[in-house]
Amino acid sequence: MVCSRSSRRRSSSSIISSSSVVVVVVVVVVVVVVVVVVVVVVVVAVAVALAVAAAVAVAVAVVVVVEEEVVVVVVAVVI
């Protein structure tokens, strides 16, 4: 009887430790996913900002002066 009780205690403690390991793994996975999502959002935001800046630079560069008149050529930038 004493042996069976001690084995029950050991099995319950191993269940508790394994569940805590599962919780830690789940928390780590969630944190990693959140960090990856944030990095992707930042990279996309920087790429969009650079594309807009490039489009503005191209639009400003395509101003042609013809016989004292300013002709603005609209440039469609496809990203």
N, C-alpha and C. Protein backbone atom coordinates (compact mmCIF):
# COMPACT_ATOMS: atom_id res chain seq x y z
N MET A 1 0.83 -1.20 0.00
CA MET A 1 0.00 0.00 0.00
C MET A 1 0.87 1.26 0.00
N VAL A 2 1.92 1.24 0.79
CA VAL A 2 2.78 2.41 0.86
C VAL A 2 3.43 2.67 -0.49
N CYS A 3 3.84 1.61 -1.14
CA CYS A 3 4.48 1.75 -2.45
C CYS A 3 3.49 2.32 -3.47
N SER A 4 2.28 1.83 -3.44
CA SER A 4 1.29 2.32 -4.42
C SER A 4 0.97 3.79 -4.18
N ARG A 5 0.91 4.18 -2.92
CA ARG A 5 0.64 5.59 -2.63
C ARG A 5 1.78 6.48 -3.13
N SER A 6 2.99 6.07 -2.89
CA SER A 6 4.12 6.88 -3.33
C SER A 6 4.18 6.94 -4.85
N SER A 7 3.81 5.84 -5.51
CA SER A 7 3.82 5.87 -6.97
C SER A 7 2.71 6.78 -7.49
N ARG A 8 1.58 6.82 -6.79
CA ARG A 8 0.51 7.74 -7.19
C ARG A 8 0.96 9.18 -7.05
N ARG A 9 1.65 9.47 -5.97
CA ARG A 9 2.14 10.84 -5.77
C ARG A 9 3.14 11.20 -6.87
N ARG A 10 3.99 10.28 -7.20
CA ARG A 10 4.97 10.56 -8.25
C ARG A 10 4.29 10.77 -9.59
N SER A 11 3.30 9.98 -9.90
CA SER A 11 2.63 10.14 -11.19
C SER A 11 1.88 11.46 -11.25
N SER A 12 1.25 11.86 -10.14
CA SER A 12 0.53 13.13 -10.15
C SER A 12 1.51 14.29 -10.27
N SER A 13 2.65 14.20 -9.62
CA SER A 13 3.64 15.28 -9.73
C SER A 13 4.23 15.33 -11.13
N SER A 14 4.38 14.18 -11.77
CA SER A 14 4.89 14.20 -13.15
C SER A 14 3.86 14.79 -14.10
N ILE A 15 2.58 14.54 -13.81
CA ILE A 15 1.52 15.14 -14.63
C ILE A 15 1.54 16.66 -14.47
N ILE A 16 1.70 17.12 -13.23
CA ILE A 16 1.75 18.56 -12.98
C ILE A 16 2.95 19.17 -13.69
N SER A 17 4.11 18.53 -13.60
CA SER A 17 5.30 19.10 -14.23
C SER A 17 5.16 19.08 -15.76
N SER A 18 4.57 18.03 -16.31
CA SER A 18 4.41 17.98 -17.76
C SER A 18 3.40 19.03 -18.23
N SER A 19 2.35 19.27 -17.45
CA SER A 19 1.39 20.30 -17.85
C SER A 19 2.02 21.69 -17.76
N SER A 20 2.87 21.91 -16.78
CA SER A 20 3.55 23.20 -16.68
C SER A 20 4.52 23.38 -17.85
N VAL A 21 5.15 22.30 -18.28
CA VAL A 21 6.02 22.38 -19.45
C VAL A 21 5.20 22.73 -20.69
N VAL A 22 4.03 22.13 -20.81
CA VAL A 22 3.16 22.43 -21.96
C VAL A 22 2.74 23.90 -21.94
N VAL A 23 2.41 24.41 -20.77
CA VAL A 23 2.03 25.82 -20.65
C VAL A 23 3.19 26.72 -21.05
N VAL A 24 4.39 26.40 -20.60
CA VAL A 24 5.56 27.21 -20.94
C VAL A 24 5.81 27.17 -22.44
N VAL A 25 5.68 25.99 -23.04
CA VAL A 25 5.89 25.87 -24.49
C VAL A 25 4.85 26.68 -25.25
N VAL A 26 3.60 26.62 -24.82
CA VAL A 26 2.53 27.39 -25.49
C VAL A 26 2.80 28.88 -25.37
N VAL A 27 3.22 29.33 -24.20
CA VAL A 27 3.51 30.76 -24.00
C VAL A 27 4.67 31.19 -24.90
N VAL A 28 5.71 30.36 -24.97
CA VAL A 28 6.86 30.70 -25.82
C VAL A 28 6.45 30.77 -27.29
N VAL A 29 5.62 29.83 -27.73
CA VAL A 29 5.17 29.82 -29.13
C VAL A 29 4.33 31.06 -29.41
N VAL A 30 3.45 31.44 -28.50
CA VAL A 30 2.62 32.63 -28.70
C VAL A 30 3.49 33.88 -28.77
N VAL A 31 4.48 33.98 -27.90
CA VAL A 31 5.38 35.15 -27.91
C VAL A 31 6.15 35.21 -29.22
N VAL A 32 6.65 34.07 -29.70
CA VAL A 32 7.39 34.05 -30.95
C VAL A 32 6.50 34.46 -32.12
N VAL A 33 5.27 33.97 -32.14
CA VAL A 33 4.33 34.33 -33.23
C VAL A 33 4.03 35.83 -33.19
N VAL A 34 3.82 36.38 -32.01
CA VAL A 34 3.54 37.82 -31.90
C VAL A 34 4.74 38.64 -32.38
N VAL A 35 5.94 38.23 -32.00
CA VAL A 35 7.14 38.95 -32.43
C VAL A 35 7.29 38.89 -33.95
N VAL A 36 7.05 37.72 -34.54
CA VAL A 36 7.16 37.58 -36.00
C VAL A 36 6.13 38.46 -36.70
N VAL A 37 4.91 38.49 -36.18
CA VAL A 37 3.86 39.33 -36.79
C VAL A 37 4.24 40.80 -36.71
N VAL A 38 4.75 41.23 -35.58
CA VAL A 38 5.15 42.63 -35.42
C VAL A 38 6.28 42.98 -36.39
N VAL A 39 7.25 42.08 -36.52
CA VAL A 39 8.37 42.33 -37.44
C VAL A 39 7.86 42.43 -38.88
N VAL A 40 6.96 41.54 -39.26
CA VAL A 40 6.41 41.57 -40.63
C VAL A 40 5.65 42.87 -40.87
N VAL A 41 4.85 43.30 -39.90
CA VAL A 41 4.10 44.55 -40.05
C VAL A 41 5.05 45.74 -40.19
N VAL A 42 6.11 45.76 -39.41
CA VAL A 42 7.07 46.87 -39.49
C VAL A 42 7.77 46.86 -40.85
N VAL A 43 8.16 45.68 -41.33
CA VAL A 43 8.84 45.59 -42.63
C VAL A 43 7.91 46.05 -43.75
N VAL A 44 6.65 45.64 -43.70
CA VAL A 44 5.69 46.06 -44.72
C VAL A 44 5.46 47.57 -44.65
N ALA A 45 5.37 48.12 -43.45
CA ALA A 45 5.17 49.56 -43.31
C ALA A 45 6.36 50.33 -43.87
N VAL A 46 7.57 49.85 -43.61
CA VAL A 46 8.76 50.52 -44.15
C VAL A 46 8.79 50.41 -45.67
N ALA A 47 8.42 49.25 -46.20
CA ALA A 47 8.40 49.08 -47.66
C ALA A 47 7.38 50.02 -48.31
N VAL A 48 6.21 50.15 -47.70
CA VAL A 48 5.19 51.05 -48.24
C VAL A 48 5.66 52.50 -48.16
N ALA A 49 6.29 52.87 -47.06
CA ALA A 49 6.79 54.23 -46.92
C ALA A 49 7.86 54.53 -47.98
N LEU A 50 8.75 53.56 -48.22
CA LEU A 50 9.77 53.76 -49.25
C LEU A 50 9.16 53.84 -50.64
N ALA A 51 8.13 53.04 -50.90
CA ALA A 51 7.47 53.08 -52.20
C ALA A 51 6.78 54.42 -52.42
N VAL A 52 6.14 54.93 -51.38
CA VAL A 52 5.48 56.25 -51.49
C VAL A 52 6.52 57.34 -51.70
N ALA A 53 7.62 57.25 -50.98
CA ALA A 53 8.68 58.25 -51.14
C ALA A 53 9.26 58.19 -52.55
N ALA A 54 9.44 56.98 -53.07
CA ALA A 54 9.95 56.85 -54.44
C ALA A 54 8.96 57.40 -55.46
N ALA A 55 7.67 57.14 -55.24
CA ALA A 55 6.65 57.65 -56.16
C ALA A 55 6.62 59.18 -56.15
N VAL A 56 6.74 59.76 -54.96
CA VAL A 56 6.77 61.23 -54.86
C VAL A 56 8.01 61.79 -55.54
N ALA A 57 9.14 61.12 -55.35
CA ALA A 57 10.38 61.58 -55.98
C ALA A 57 10.28 61.51 -57.50
N VAL A 58 9.69 60.42 -58.01
CA VAL A 58 9.52 60.30 -59.46
C VAL A 58 8.56 61.37 -59.98
N ALA A 59 7.48 61.61 -59.25
CA ALA A 59 6.51 62.61 -59.68
C ALA A 59 7.13 64.01 -59.69
N VAL A 60 7.96 64.29 -58.72
CA VAL A 60 8.61 65.61 -58.67
C VAL A 60 9.66 65.72 -59.77
N ALA A 61 10.34 64.61 -60.07
CA ALA A 61 11.39 64.64 -61.09
C ALA A 61 10.83 64.78 -62.50
N VAL A 62 9.56 64.38 -62.68
CA VAL A 62 8.98 64.42 -64.03
C VAL A 62 8.19 65.71 -64.23
N VAL A 63 8.78 66.80 -63.85
CA VAL A 63 8.19 68.11 -64.14
C VAL A 63 9.03 68.71 -65.27
N VAL A 64 8.39 68.92 -66.41
CA VAL A 64 9.12 69.39 -67.59
C VAL A 64 8.75 70.85 -67.85
N VAL A 65 9.78 71.64 -68.05
CA VAL A 65 9.54 73.06 -68.36
C VAL A 65 9.63 73.23 -69.87
N VAL A 66 8.50 73.60 -70.47
CA VAL A 66 8.46 73.80 -71.92
C VAL A 66 7.98 75.22 -72.21
N GLU A 67 8.88 76.05 -72.77
CA GLU A 67 8.56 77.42 -73.17
C GLU A 67 7.82 78.18 -72.07
N GLU A 68 8.41 78.25 -70.93
CA GLU A 68 7.92 79.00 -69.78
C GLU A 68 6.61 78.46 -69.23
N GLU A 69 6.21 77.31 -69.67
CA GLU A 69 5.03 76.67 -69.11
C GLU A 69 5.47 75.38 -68.41
N VAL A 70 4.85 75.11 -67.29
CA VAL A 70 5.19 73.92 -66.53
C VAL A 70 4.19 72.84 -66.88
N VAL A 71 4.71 71.75 -67.43
CA VAL A 71 3.86 70.63 -67.78
C VAL A 71 4.16 69.51 -66.79
N VAL A 72 3.17 69.12 -66.06
CA VAL A 72 3.34 68.05 -65.07
C VAL A 72 2.84 66.75 -65.69
N VAL A 73 3.73 65.78 -65.74
CA VAL A 73 3.38 64.49 -66.29
C VAL A 73 3.06 63.57 -65.13
N VAL A 74 1.88 62.98 -65.20
CA VAL A 74 1.46 62.09 -64.13
C VAL A 74 2.05 60.70 -64.40
N VAL A 75 2.73 60.19 -63.42
CA VAL A 75 3.38 58.89 -63.57
C VAL A 75 2.66 57.91 -62.67
N ALA A 76 2.23 56.81 -63.26
CA ALA A 76 1.59 55.75 -62.47
C ALA A 76 2.68 54.77 -62.05
N VAL A 77 2.84 54.63 -60.76
CA VAL A 77 3.86 53.72 -60.25
C VAL A 77 3.17 52.43 -59.85
N VAL A 78 3.59 51.36 -60.44
CA VAL A 78 3.02 50.05 -60.12
C VAL A 78 4.01 49.32 -59.24
N ILE A 79 3.53 48.93 -58.07
CA ILE A 79 4.41 48.26 -57.12
C ILE A 79 4.12 46.77 -57.17
